[in-house]
Amino acid sequence: MGKSEAEQPRDRRQFAAATQRNREPILQVLQRVLPPEGTVLELASGTGEHGAFFAPRLAPRFWLPSDPNPLALESIEAWRQEVGCDRLLPPLELDARESSWTVERQPPPALEEQPIRALVCINMIHIAPWQACLGLLAGAERLLPPGGVLYLYGPYKENGRHTSPSNEGFDLMLRDRDSSWGVRDLEAVVAAAEERQLRFQEMVEMPANNRSLVFSR
């Protein structure tokens, strides 16, 4: 006799449609720009789908997901259990706005042999206050070794203008939900990064009017 519905374990995985669309193009950039070894710390991992997809394909690198949201952390861990990849590390609770991150105060044992050499942040800085972007950049300055890489993905304004009508509408929707959110100026992000010793390397045009930004320490 099968388990009753109440006894069935709840699937804690969350799903984001955008992940299915952008994961392959992002992977192509990451395979080219990431250091060849070490640990990649992902900020604002959300559902955890990106890490579950990237970790097996970016070996021998390790992937360390993180998020400040407890429900997101449950989803990330559920995806980690689903894929069963030893390169995908247990997620950390981490808020980019903090002056000292969890990974600095209580580093996972895996970092002793595989230190952080890259930070990845996908679709965060427009759905968060500007302080989250500044905190992310400050953390990258603290954590990345010389030659380390910071990778950002999402929509940006360029020269003060939106790159498409859809991005403009998206920006208005975000600001309506929270006045501290919104599509950021690419030039402002680059300038803030350079103030924190992060050199802008390249911009890659991505599907759906998004951009990949690559910085080095």
N, C-alpha and C. Protein backbone atom coordinates (compact mmCIF):
# COMPACT_ATOMS: atom_id res chain seq x y z
N MET A 1 0.84 -1.19 0.00
CA MET A 1 0.00 0.00 0.00
C MET A 1 0.88 1.24 0.00
N GLY A 2 0.62 2.19 -0.88
CA GLY A 2 1.46 3.37 -1.00
C GLY A 2 1.22 4.35 0.12
N LYS A 3 2.15 5.27 0.25
CA LYS A 3 2.03 6.30 1.28
C LYS A 3 0.86 7.21 0.95
N SER A 4 0.20 7.69 1.98
CA SER A 4 -0.85 8.67 1.77
C SER A 4 -0.23 9.97 1.32
N GLU A 5 -1.08 10.84 0.77
CA GLU A 5 -0.58 12.14 0.29
C GLU A 5 0.09 12.92 1.40
N ALA A 6 -0.45 12.82 2.62
CA ALA A 6 0.12 13.56 3.75
C ALA A 6 1.50 13.04 4.12
N GLU A 7 1.76 11.74 3.83
CA GLU A 7 3.04 11.15 4.20
C GLU A 7 4.11 11.35 3.14
N GLN A 8 3.72 11.78 1.95
CA GLN A 8 4.68 11.97 0.88
C GLN A 8 5.62 13.13 1.22
N PRO A 9 6.93 12.96 1.06
CA PRO A 9 7.84 14.07 1.33
C PRO A 9 7.58 15.23 0.36
N ARG A 10 7.57 16.44 0.89
CA ARG A 10 7.28 17.61 0.07
C ARG A 10 8.49 17.95 -0.79
N ASP A 11 8.25 18.18 -2.06
CA ASP A 11 9.32 18.59 -2.96
C ASP A 11 9.59 20.07 -2.72
N ARG A 12 10.74 20.38 -2.18
CA ARG A 12 11.08 21.75 -1.82
C ARG A 12 11.78 22.50 -2.96
N ARG A 13 11.95 21.85 -4.08
CA ARG A 13 12.58 22.54 -5.22
C ARG A 13 11.65 23.62 -5.77
N GLN A 14 12.23 24.79 -6.05
CA GLN A 14 11.52 25.85 -6.74
C GLN A 14 12.01 25.92 -8.18
N PHE A 15 11.21 26.51 -9.03
CA PHE A 15 11.53 26.57 -10.46
C PHE A 15 11.38 28.01 -10.96
N ALA A 16 12.31 28.44 -11.78
CA ALA A 16 12.25 29.77 -12.41
C ALA A 16 12.37 29.58 -13.92
N ALA A 17 11.38 30.05 -14.64
CA ALA A 17 11.37 29.85 -16.10
C ALA A 17 12.59 30.47 -16.76
N ALA A 18 13.06 31.60 -16.23
CA ALA A 18 14.19 32.28 -16.86
C ALA A 18 15.45 31.41 -16.85
N THR A 19 15.57 30.55 -15.85
CA THR A 19 16.76 29.70 -15.77
C THR A 19 16.89 28.80 -16.98
N GLN A 20 15.78 28.23 -17.41
CA GLN A 20 15.80 27.35 -18.58
C GLN A 20 16.27 28.10 -19.83
N ARG A 21 15.95 29.38 -19.91
CA ARG A 21 16.32 30.17 -21.09
C ARG A 21 17.77 30.65 -21.06
N ASN A 22 18.26 30.96 -19.85
CA ASN A 22 19.57 31.62 -19.83
C ASN A 22 20.74 30.75 -19.39
N ARG A 23 20.47 29.54 -18.92
CA ARG A 23 21.56 28.78 -18.32
C ARG A 23 22.62 28.35 -19.33
N GLU A 24 22.22 27.96 -20.53
CA GLU A 24 23.21 27.55 -21.53
C GLU A 24 24.08 28.73 -21.99
N PRO A 25 23.49 29.90 -22.34
CA PRO A 25 24.33 31.04 -22.71
C PRO A 25 25.26 31.49 -21.58
N ILE A 26 24.76 31.47 -20.34
CA ILE A 26 25.63 31.84 -19.22
C ILE A 26 26.76 30.84 -19.06
N LEU A 27 26.44 29.54 -19.18
CA LEU A 27 27.46 28.51 -19.06
C LEU A 27 28.58 28.71 -20.08
N GLN A 28 28.22 29.08 -21.29
CA GLN A 28 29.24 29.29 -22.32
C GLN A 28 30.22 30.39 -21.92
N VAL A 29 29.70 31.46 -21.31
CA VAL A 29 30.59 32.53 -20.86
C VAL A 29 31.43 32.07 -19.67
N LEU A 30 30.80 31.42 -18.71
CA LEU A 30 31.53 30.97 -17.53
C LEU A 30 32.65 30.00 -17.89
N GLN A 31 32.40 29.10 -18.80
CA GLN A 31 33.44 28.15 -19.20
C GLN A 31 34.66 28.86 -19.77
N ARG A 32 34.43 30.00 -20.34
CA ARG A 32 35.53 30.76 -20.96
C ARG A 32 36.26 31.67 -19.98
N VAL A 33 35.53 32.26 -19.01
CA VAL A 33 36.15 33.32 -18.20
C VAL A 33 36.54 32.88 -16.78
N LEU A 34 35.98 31.79 -16.27
CA LEU A 34 36.29 31.40 -14.90
C LEU A 34 37.71 30.86 -14.78
N PRO A 35 38.34 31.05 -13.62
CA PRO A 35 39.61 30.37 -13.36
C PRO A 35 39.43 28.85 -13.50
N PRO A 36 40.47 28.13 -13.85
CA PRO A 36 40.31 26.70 -14.16
C PRO A 36 40.05 25.81 -12.96
N GLU A 37 40.26 26.32 -11.74
CA GLU A 37 40.04 25.49 -10.55
C GLU A 37 39.62 26.39 -9.40
N GLY A 38 39.41 25.77 -8.23
CA GLY A 38 38.96 26.53 -7.07
C GLY A 38 37.45 26.50 -6.93
N THR A 39 36.95 27.34 -6.02
CA THR A 39 35.52 27.39 -5.72
C THR A 39 34.90 28.66 -6.28
N VAL A 40 33.71 28.50 -6.86
CA VAL A 40 32.91 29.62 -7.34
C VAL A 40 31.82 29.88 -6.30
N LEU A 41 31.82 31.07 -5.70
CA LEU A 41 30.77 31.46 -4.76
C LEU A 41 29.66 32.16 -5.53
N GLU A 42 28.46 31.61 -5.46
CA GLU A 42 27.31 32.23 -6.12
C GLU A 42 26.49 33.00 -5.09
N LEU A 43 26.26 34.28 -5.35
CA LEU A 43 25.42 35.12 -4.51
C LEU A 43 23.99 35.11 -5.05
N ALA A 44 23.02 35.18 -4.14
CA ALA A 44 21.60 35.24 -4.52
C ALA A 44 21.24 34.08 -5.45
N SER A 45 21.48 32.86 -4.98
CA SER A 45 21.28 31.68 -5.82
C SER A 45 19.82 31.39 -6.12
N GLY A 46 18.90 31.97 -5.35
CA GLY A 46 17.48 31.83 -5.67
C GLY A 46 16.99 30.40 -5.57
N THR A 47 16.46 29.89 -6.67
CA THR A 47 15.91 28.53 -6.66
C THR A 47 16.98 27.47 -6.50
N GLY A 48 18.22 27.77 -6.92
CA GLY A 48 19.30 26.79 -6.89
C GLY A 48 19.47 26.05 -8.20
N GLU A 49 18.64 26.36 -9.19
CA GLU A 49 18.71 25.65 -10.47
C GLU A 49 20.01 25.92 -11.23
N HIS A 50 20.51 27.16 -11.14
CA HIS A 50 21.75 27.45 -11.86
C HIS A 50 22.90 26.61 -11.32
N GLY A 51 23.03 26.57 -10.01
CA GLY A 51 24.11 25.78 -9.43
C GLY A 51 23.99 24.31 -9.77
N ALA A 52 22.77 23.79 -9.73
CA ALA A 52 22.55 22.38 -10.06
C ALA A 52 22.94 22.07 -11.50
N PHE A 53 22.75 23.05 -12.38
CA PHE A 53 23.10 22.86 -13.79
C PHE A 53 24.59 23.09 -14.03
N PHE A 54 25.14 24.11 -13.40
CA PHE A 54 26.53 24.48 -13.68
C PHE A 54 27.54 23.54 -13.02
N ALA A 55 27.30 23.14 -11.78
CA ALA A 55 28.33 22.42 -11.03
C ALA A 55 28.88 21.19 -11.76
N PRO A 56 28.04 20.30 -12.30
CA PRO A 56 28.61 19.14 -12.99
C PRO A 56 29.36 19.52 -14.26
N ARG A 57 28.99 20.64 -14.86
CA ARG A 57 29.56 21.04 -16.15
C ARG A 57 30.79 21.92 -16.00
N LEU A 58 31.06 22.38 -14.79
CA LEU A 58 32.22 23.25 -14.56
C LEU A 58 33.31 22.56 -13.75
N ALA A 59 33.17 21.24 -13.54
CA ALA A 59 34.22 20.50 -12.85
C ALA A 59 35.54 20.67 -13.62
N PRO A 60 36.68 20.73 -12.91
CA PRO A 60 36.86 20.37 -11.50
C PRO A 60 36.57 21.48 -10.50
N ARG A 61 36.04 22.60 -10.95
CA ARG A 61 35.70 23.67 -10.01
C ARG A 61 34.58 23.20 -9.06
N PHE A 62 34.55 23.82 -7.89
CA PHE A 62 33.45 23.60 -6.95
C PHE A 62 32.51 24.80 -7.02
N TRP A 63 31.23 24.55 -6.72
CA TRP A 63 30.22 25.60 -6.77
C TRP A 63 29.59 25.73 -5.38
N LEU A 64 29.66 26.94 -4.81
CA LEU A 64 29.13 27.19 -3.47
C LEU A 64 27.97 28.18 -3.56
N PRO A 65 26.72 27.70 -3.49
CA PRO A 65 25.56 28.58 -3.58
C PRO A 65 25.28 29.28 -2.26
N SER A 66 24.56 30.40 -2.34
CA SER A 66 24.18 31.12 -1.12
C SER A 66 22.94 31.96 -1.40
N ASP A 67 22.24 32.31 -0.32
CA ASP A 67 21.07 33.17 -0.44
C ASP A 67 20.67 33.61 0.98
N PRO A 68 20.06 34.80 1.12
CA PRO A 68 19.61 35.21 2.45
C PRO A 68 18.23 34.66 2.83
N ASN A 69 17.51 34.09 1.87
CA ASN A 69 16.13 33.68 2.10
C ASN A 69 16.06 32.20 2.52
N PRO A 70 15.48 31.89 3.69
CA PRO A 70 15.41 30.50 4.15
C PRO A 70 14.69 29.57 3.17
N LEU A 71 13.61 30.04 2.52
CA LEU A 71 12.91 29.20 1.56
C LEU A 71 13.77 28.91 0.34
N ALA A 72 14.53 29.91 -0.08
CA ALA A 72 15.45 29.68 -1.19
C ALA A 72 16.52 28.66 -0.80
N LEU A 73 17.02 28.75 0.42
CA LEU A 73 18.04 27.80 0.86
C LEU A 73 17.50 26.37 0.86
N GLU A 74 16.22 26.21 1.21
CA GLU A 74 15.60 24.88 1.15
C GLU A 74 15.57 24.37 -0.29
N SER A 75 15.21 25.25 -1.22
CA SER A 75 15.15 24.86 -2.63
C SER A 75 16.54 24.52 -3.16
N ILE A 76 17.52 25.32 -2.80
CA ILE A 76 18.90 25.07 -3.25
C ILE A 76 19.37 23.71 -2.77
N GLU A 77 19.12 23.41 -1.50
CA GLU A 77 19.55 22.13 -0.95
C GLU A 77 18.79 20.98 -1.62
N ALA A 78 17.50 21.18 -1.90
CA ALA A 78 16.73 20.13 -2.58
C ALA A 78 17.29 19.85 -3.97
N TRP A 79 17.67 20.90 -4.68
CA TRP A 79 18.29 20.71 -6.00
C TRP A 79 19.65 20.02 -5.86
N ARG A 80 20.39 20.37 -4.82
CA ARG A 80 21.69 19.72 -4.60
C ARG A 80 21.50 18.22 -4.38
N GLN A 81 20.50 17.87 -3.59
CA GLN A 81 20.23 16.45 -3.37
C GLN A 81 19.77 15.77 -4.66
N GLU A 82 19.03 16.49 -5.47
CA GLU A 82 18.51 15.93 -6.73
C GLU A 82 19.63 15.57 -7.69
N VAL A 83 20.61 16.47 -7.85
CA VAL A 83 21.66 16.23 -8.85
C VAL A 83 22.76 15.33 -8.32
N GLY A 84 22.97 15.32 -6.99
CA GLY A 84 23.96 14.42 -6.41
C GLY A 84 25.37 14.64 -6.91
N CYS A 85 25.74 15.90 -7.11
CA CYS A 85 27.08 16.22 -7.63
C CYS A 85 27.98 16.64 -6.47
N ASP A 86 29.13 15.97 -6.32
CA ASP A 86 30.00 16.29 -5.19
C ASP A 86 30.71 17.63 -5.36
N ARG A 87 30.59 18.24 -6.53
CA ARG A 87 31.17 19.57 -6.75
C ARG A 87 30.21 20.69 -6.32
N LEU A 88 28.98 20.34 -6.00
CA LEU A 88 27.99 21.32 -5.56
C LEU A 88 27.93 21.27 -4.04
N LEU A 89 28.41 22.33 -3.40
CA LEU A 89 28.53 22.36 -1.94
C LEU A 89 27.21 22.77 -1.29
N PRO A 90 27.02 22.44 -0.01
CA PRO A 90 25.81 22.86 0.70
C PRO A 90 25.68 24.39 0.71
N PRO A 91 24.48 24.91 0.60
CA PRO A 91 24.29 26.36 0.50
C PRO A 91 24.54 27.07 1.82
N LEU A 92 24.93 28.34 1.71
CA LEU A 92 25.14 29.20 2.87
C LEU A 92 24.08 30.29 2.92
N GLU A 93 23.67 30.67 4.12
CA GLU A 93 22.86 31.87 4.29
C GLU A 93 23.79 33.07 4.21
N LEU A 94 23.55 33.95 3.27
CA LEU A 94 24.48 35.06 3.05
C LEU A 94 23.72 36.25 2.48
N ASP A 95 23.90 37.40 3.11
CA ASP A 95 23.31 38.66 2.65
C ASP A 95 24.44 39.55 2.16
N ALA A 96 24.42 39.89 0.89
CA ALA A 96 25.51 40.66 0.29
C ALA A 96 25.71 42.01 0.96
N ARG A 97 24.68 42.55 1.60
CA ARG A 97 24.78 43.87 2.20
C ARG A 97 25.60 43.89 3.48
N GLU A 98 25.84 42.73 4.08
CA GLU A 98 26.57 42.68 5.34
C GLU A 98 28.04 43.02 5.12
N SER A 99 28.64 43.67 6.11
CA SER A 99 30.05 44.09 5.99
C SER A 99 31.00 42.91 6.12
N SER A 100 30.53 41.82 6.71
CA SER A 100 31.30 40.58 6.80
C SER A 100 30.35 39.43 6.49
N TRP A 101 30.71 38.60 5.54
CA TRP A 101 29.82 37.54 5.08
C TRP A 101 30.01 36.27 5.89
N THR A 102 28.97 35.43 5.88
CA THR A 102 29.02 34.15 6.55
C THR A 102 30.23 33.33 6.11
N VAL A 103 30.52 33.37 4.83
CA VAL A 103 31.61 32.56 4.29
C VAL A 103 32.97 33.04 4.82
N GLU A 104 33.03 34.28 5.27
CA GLU A 104 34.26 34.80 5.88
C GLU A 104 34.33 34.44 7.35
N ARG A 105 33.19 34.52 8.05
CA ARG A 105 33.16 34.26 9.49
C ARG A 105 33.24 32.76 9.80
N GLN A 106 32.57 31.95 8.97
CA GLN A 106 32.54 30.51 9.19
C GLN A 106 32.77 29.79 7.85
N PRO A 107 33.97 29.84 7.33
CA PRO A 107 34.21 29.23 6.01
C PRO A 107 34.02 27.72 6.02
N PRO A 108 33.34 27.18 5.02
CA PRO A 108 33.18 25.73 4.93
C PRO A 108 34.54 25.05 4.83
N PRO A 109 34.67 23.86 5.38
CA PRO A 109 35.95 23.14 5.32
C PRO A 109 36.49 22.95 3.90
N ALA A 110 35.59 22.83 2.93
CA ALA A 110 36.03 22.60 1.55
C ALA A 110 36.91 23.73 1.03
N LEU A 111 36.75 24.94 1.59
CA LEU A 111 37.52 26.08 1.09
C LEU A 111 38.99 26.02 1.47
N GLU A 112 39.33 25.16 2.44
CA GLU A 112 40.74 25.03 2.81
C GLU A 112 41.56 24.51 1.63
N GLU A 113 41.00 23.54 0.90
CA GLU A 113 41.71 22.97 -0.25
C GLU A 113 41.29 23.61 -1.56
N GLN A 114 40.08 24.16 -1.60
CA GLN A 114 39.57 24.76 -2.83
C GLN A 114 39.08 26.18 -2.52
N PRO A 115 40.00 27.13 -2.39
CA PRO A 115 39.61 28.50 -2.02
C PRO A 115 38.77 29.18 -3.09
N ILE A 116 38.04 30.18 -2.67
CA ILE A 116 37.20 30.94 -3.61
C ILE A 116 38.08 31.68 -4.61
N ARG A 117 37.79 31.48 -5.88
CA ARG A 117 38.53 32.16 -6.94
C ARG A 117 37.61 32.96 -7.87
N ALA A 118 36.30 32.83 -7.65
CA ALA A 118 35.35 33.56 -8.49
C ALA A 118 34.06 33.78 -7.73
N LEU A 119 33.39 34.88 -8.04
CA LEU A 119 32.05 35.17 -7.54
C LEU A 119 31.13 35.32 -8.74
N VAL A 120 29.94 34.74 -8.63
CA VAL A 120 28.93 34.81 -9.69
C VAL A 120 27.64 35.33 -9.07
N CYS A 121 27.00 36.27 -9.75
CA CYS A 121 25.73 36.81 -9.27
C CYS A 121 24.82 37.03 -10.48
N ILE A 122 23.73 36.29 -10.51
CA ILE A 122 22.81 36.28 -11.65
C ILE A 122 21.47 36.90 -11.23
N ASN A 123 21.09 37.95 -11.93
CA ASN A 123 19.76 38.57 -11.73
C ASN A 123 19.50 38.96 -10.27
N MET A 124 20.46 39.67 -9.68
CA MET A 124 20.22 40.17 -8.33
C MET A 124 20.15 41.68 -8.25
N ILE A 125 21.10 42.38 -8.84
CA ILE A 125 21.29 43.78 -8.45
C ILE A 125 20.14 44.69 -8.88
N HIS A 126 19.30 44.25 -9.81
CA HIS A 126 18.13 45.05 -10.16
C HIS A 126 16.92 44.71 -9.29
N ILE A 127 16.97 43.58 -8.58
CA ILE A 127 15.86 43.19 -7.70
C ILE A 127 16.36 43.27 -6.25
N ALA A 128 17.05 44.34 -5.95
CA ALA A 128 17.62 44.56 -4.62
C ALA A 128 18.01 46.03 -4.52
N PRO A 129 18.16 46.56 -3.33
CA PRO A 129 18.63 47.93 -3.19
C PRO A 129 20.05 48.08 -3.74
N TRP A 130 20.40 49.30 -4.11
CA TRP A 130 21.76 49.57 -4.61
C TRP A 130 22.81 49.14 -3.60
N GLN A 131 22.46 49.20 -2.30
CA GLN A 131 23.41 48.78 -1.26
C GLN A 131 23.81 47.31 -1.42
N ALA A 132 22.92 46.49 -1.99
CA ALA A 132 23.27 45.09 -2.22
C ALA A 132 24.35 44.97 -3.29
N CYS A 133 24.26 45.80 -4.32
CA CYS A 133 25.31 45.80 -5.35
C CYS A 133 26.63 46.26 -4.76
N LEU A 134 26.60 47.33 -3.98
CA LEU A 134 27.83 47.83 -3.36
C LEU A 134 28.41 46.79 -2.40
N GLY A 135 27.54 46.11 -1.65
CA GLY A 135 28.01 45.07 -0.75
C GLY A 135 28.63 43.90 -1.50
N LEU A 136 28.03 43.55 -2.63
CA LEU A 136 28.57 42.49 -3.47
C LEU A 136 29.98 42.84 -3.94
N LEU A 137 30.14 44.07 -4.41
CA LEU A 137 31.45 44.51 -4.92
C LEU A 137 32.48 44.57 -3.79
N ALA A 138 32.06 45.03 -2.63
CA ALA A 138 32.97 45.08 -1.48
C ALA A 138 33.40 43.67 -1.08
N GLY A 139 32.45 42.73 -1.10
CA GLY A 139 32.79 41.35 -0.77
C GLY A 139 33.75 40.75 -1.79
N ALA A 140 33.55 41.08 -3.06
CA ALA A 140 34.46 40.59 -4.09
C ALA A 140 35.87 41.13 -3.87
N GLU A 141 35.96 42.38 -3.45
CA GLU A 141 37.28 42.96 -3.16
C GLU A 141 37.95 42.23 -2.00
N ARG A 142 37.16 41.88 -0.98
CA ARG A 142 37.74 41.19 0.18
C ARG A 142 38.13 39.76 -0.12
N LEU A 143 37.30 39.05 -0.90
CA LEU A 143 37.45 37.60 -1.03
C LEU A 143 38.30 37.14 -2.21
N LEU A 144 38.26 37.89 -3.30
CA LEU A 144 38.92 37.38 -4.50
C LEU A 144 40.43 37.58 -4.44
N PRO A 145 41.19 36.56 -4.84
CA PRO A 145 42.64 36.71 -4.93
C PRO A 145 43.00 37.44 -6.22
N PRO A 146 44.25 37.86 -6.36
CA PRO A 146 44.66 38.44 -7.65
C PRO A 146 44.35 37.47 -8.79
N GLY A 147 43.72 38.00 -9.83
CA GLY A 147 43.31 37.15 -10.95
C GLY A 147 41.95 36.53 -10.77
N GLY A 148 41.33 36.71 -9.59
CA GLY A 148 39.99 36.20 -9.37
C GLY A 148 38.97 36.92 -10.25
N VAL A 149 37.82 36.30 -10.45
CA VAL A 149 36.82 36.79 -11.41
C VAL A 149 35.49 37.06 -10.71
N LEU A 150 34.88 38.19 -11.06
CA LEU A 150 33.51 38.49 -10.68
C LEU A 150 32.67 38.52 -11.95
N TYR A 151 31.59 37.74 -11.94
CA TYR A 151 30.69 37.65 -13.10
C TYR A 151 29.31 38.11 -12.68
N LEU A 152 28.74 39.08 -13.41
CA LEU A 152 27.39 39.57 -13.16
C LEU A 152 26.54 39.35 -14.40
N TYR A 153 25.26 39.00 -14.19
CA TYR A 153 24.34 38.80 -15.30
C TYR A 153 23.03 39.51 -14.99
N GLY A 154 22.48 40.16 -16.00
CA GLY A 154 21.18 40.79 -15.85
C GLY A 154 21.00 41.92 -16.84
N PRO A 155 19.89 42.67 -16.73
CA PRO A 155 19.65 43.80 -17.62
C PRO A 155 20.36 45.05 -17.09
N TYR A 156 20.77 45.91 -18.01
CA TYR A 156 21.41 47.17 -17.63
C TYR A 156 20.98 48.27 -18.58
N LYS A 157 20.98 49.49 -18.07
CA LYS A 157 20.91 50.66 -18.94
C LYS A 157 22.32 50.98 -19.42
N GLU A 158 22.42 51.49 -20.62
CA GLU A 158 23.71 51.88 -21.17
C GLU A 158 23.65 53.33 -21.63
N ASN A 159 24.60 54.12 -21.16
CA ASN A 159 24.61 55.56 -21.45
C ASN A 159 23.29 56.21 -21.02
N GLY A 160 22.76 55.72 -19.89
CA GLY A 160 21.54 56.29 -19.34
C GLY A 160 20.26 55.86 -20.02
N ARG A 161 20.35 54.95 -20.99
CA ARG A 161 19.17 54.54 -21.75
C ARG A 161 18.94 53.04 -21.62
N HIS A 162 17.67 52.67 -21.63
CA HIS A 162 17.34 51.25 -21.66
C HIS A 162 17.70 50.67 -23.02
N THR A 163 18.06 49.41 -23.03
CA THR A 163 18.47 48.76 -24.28
C THR A 163 17.29 48.21 -25.06
N SER A 164 16.08 48.25 -24.48
CA SER A 164 14.89 47.77 -25.19
C SER A 164 13.64 48.29 -24.47
N PRO A 165 12.53 48.39 -25.18
CA PRO A 165 11.27 48.76 -24.52
C PRO A 165 10.87 47.78 -23.42
N SER A 166 11.16 46.51 -23.61
CA SER A 166 10.79 45.53 -22.58
C SER A 166 11.57 45.76 -21.29
N ASN A 167 12.84 46.14 -21.43
CA ASN A 167 13.63 46.44 -20.23
C ASN A 167 13.10 47.69 -19.53
N GLU A 168 12.66 48.66 -20.31
CA GLU A 168 12.10 49.87 -19.71
C GLU A 168 10.83 49.55 -18.93
N GLY A 169 9.97 48.71 -19.51
CA GLY A 169 8.77 48.30 -18.81
C GLY A 169 9.09 47.50 -17.56
N PHE A 170 10.08 46.64 -17.66
CA PHE A 170 10.51 45.84 -16.51
C PHE A 170 11.01 46.75 -15.39
N ASP A 171 11.78 47.76 -15.76
CA ASP A 171 12.31 48.71 -14.78
C ASP A 171 11.18 49.43 -14.05
N LEU A 172 10.18 49.88 -14.81
CA LEU A 172 9.05 50.57 -14.19
C LEU A 172 8.29 49.66 -13.24
N MET A 173 8.14 48.40 -13.62
CA MET A 173 7.46 47.44 -12.77
C MET A 173 8.24 47.21 -11.47
N LEU A 174 9.56 47.08 -11.59
CA LEU A 174 10.38 46.87 -10.40
C LEU A 174 10.30 48.06 -9.44
N ARG A 175 10.42 49.26 -9.99
CA ARG A 175 10.40 50.46 -9.15
C ARG A 175 9.03 50.68 -8.52
N ASP A 176 7.98 50.19 -9.20
CA ASP A 176 6.65 50.28 -8.64
C ASP A 176 6.50 49.35 -7.44
N ARG A 177 7.16 48.21 -7.52
CA ARG A 177 7.12 47.25 -6.41
C ARG A 177 7.96 47.73 -5.23
N ASP A 178 9.13 48.31 -5.53
CA ASP A 178 10.03 48.79 -4.48
C ASP A 178 10.89 49.90 -5.08
N SER A 179 10.79 51.09 -4.53
CA SER A 179 11.48 52.24 -5.11
C SER A 179 13.00 52.11 -5.06
N SER A 180 13.52 51.20 -4.23
CA SER A 180 14.98 51.01 -4.15
C SER A 180 15.48 50.00 -5.19
N TRP A 181 14.57 49.37 -5.92
CA TRP A 181 14.95 48.43 -6.97
C TRP A 181 15.05 49.15 -8.31
N GLY A 182 15.47 48.42 -9.33
CA GLY A 182 15.46 48.98 -10.68
C GLY A 182 16.67 48.57 -11.49
N VAL A 183 16.52 48.62 -12.81
CA VAL A 183 17.62 48.30 -13.73
C VAL A 183 18.72 49.34 -13.55
N ARG A 184 19.94 48.88 -13.35
CA ARG A 184 21.05 49.76 -13.02
C ARG A 184 21.77 50.26 -14.27
N ASP A 185 22.43 51.39 -14.12
CA ASP A 185 23.29 51.91 -15.18
C ASP A 185 24.57 51.10 -15.21
N LEU A 186 24.90 50.55 -16.37
CA LEU A 186 26.12 49.78 -16.52
C LEU A 186 27.33 50.59 -16.08
N GLU A 187 27.37 51.86 -16.48
CA GLU A 187 28.53 52.69 -16.17
C GLU A 187 28.68 52.90 -14.67
N ALA A 188 27.55 52.98 -13.94
CA ALA A 188 27.62 53.15 -12.49
C ALA A 188 28.16 51.89 -11.81
N VAL A 189 27.76 50.73 -12.32
CA VAL A 189 28.25 49.46 -11.77
C VAL A 189 29.75 49.33 -12.02
N VAL A 190 30.18 49.65 -13.24
CA VAL A 190 31.61 49.56 -13.57
C VAL A 190 32.42 50.51 -12.72
N ALA A 191 31.93 51.73 -12.54
CA ALA A 191 32.65 52.72 -11.74
C ALA A 191 32.76 52.27 -10.28
N ALA A 192 31.66 51.74 -9.73
CA ALA A 192 31.68 51.26 -8.35
C ALA A 192 32.63 50.08 -8.19
N ALA A 193 32.69 49.22 -9.20
CA ALA A 193 33.59 48.07 -9.15
C ALA A 193 35.04 48.52 -9.19
N GLU A 194 35.34 49.48 -10.05
CA GLU A 194 36.73 49.93 -10.17
C GLU A 194 37.20 50.63 -8.91
N GLU A 195 36.28 51.25 -8.17
CA GLU A 195 36.64 51.83 -6.88
C GLU A 195 37.05 50.76 -5.88
N ARG A 196 36.66 49.53 -6.13
CA ARG A 196 36.97 48.42 -5.23
C ARG A 196 37.99 47.47 -5.87
N GLN A 197 38.83 48.01 -6.71
CA GLN A 197 39.95 47.26 -7.30
C GLN A 197 39.51 46.10 -8.17
N LEU A 198 38.34 46.25 -8.80
CA LEU A 198 37.83 45.23 -9.72
C LEU A 198 37.85 45.81 -11.12
N ARG A 199 38.69 45.26 -11.96
CA ARG A 199 38.89 45.79 -13.31
C ARG A 199 37.85 45.22 -14.27
N PHE A 200 37.17 46.10 -14.99
CA PHE A 200 36.18 45.67 -15.98
C PHE A 200 36.89 45.05 -17.17
N GLN A 201 36.55 43.79 -17.49
CA GLN A 201 37.20 43.07 -18.57
C GLN A 201 36.38 43.07 -19.86
N GLU A 202 35.10 42.78 -19.73
CA GLU A 202 34.29 42.72 -20.96
C GLU A 202 32.81 42.69 -20.64
N MET A 203 32.02 43.04 -21.65
CA MET A 203 30.57 42.88 -21.62
C MET A 203 30.18 41.96 -22.76
N VAL A 204 29.30 41.03 -22.49
CA VAL A 204 28.84 40.09 -23.50
C VAL A 204 27.33 40.25 -23.63
N GLU A 205 26.84 40.52 -24.83
CA GLU A 205 25.40 40.60 -25.04
C GLU A 205 24.79 39.20 -24.94
N MET A 206 23.66 39.13 -24.22
CA MET A 206 23.03 37.86 -23.93
C MET A 206 21.58 37.88 -24.42
N PRO A 207 20.90 36.73 -24.42
CA PRO A 207 19.50 36.71 -24.87
C PRO A 207 18.60 37.60 -24.01
N ALA A 208 17.48 38.01 -24.59
CA ALA A 208 16.44 38.78 -23.89
C ALA A 208 16.97 40.10 -23.35
N ASN A 209 17.90 40.72 -24.10
CA ASN A 209 18.42 42.05 -23.75
C ASN A 209 19.13 42.09 -22.41
N ASN A 210 19.73 40.99 -22.03
CA ASN A 210 20.56 40.94 -20.83
C ASN A 210 22.03 41.08 -21.21
N ARG A 211 22.87 41.25 -20.19
CA ARG A 211 24.31 41.41 -20.40
C ARG A 211 25.06 40.56 -19.38
N SER A 212 26.21 40.05 -19.80
CA SER A 212 27.18 39.48 -18.89
C SER A 212 28.29 40.49 -18.69
N LEU A 213 28.61 40.80 -17.45
CA LEU A 213 29.73 41.69 -17.13
C LEU A 213 30.80 40.87 -16.43
N VAL A 214 32.03 41.01 -16.88
CA VAL A 214 33.14 40.24 -16.32
C VAL A 214 34.18 41.21 -15.76
N PHE A 215 34.54 40.99 -14.51
CA PHE A 215 35.56 41.80 -13.83
C PHE A 215 36.66 40.88 -13.32
N SER A 216 37.86 41.43 -13.14
CA SER A 216 38.94 40.67 -12.54
C SER A 216 39.53 41.45 -11.37
N ARG A 217 40.05 40.73 -10.42
CA ARG A 217 40.63 41.33 -9.21
C ARG A 217 42.10 41.67 -9.47
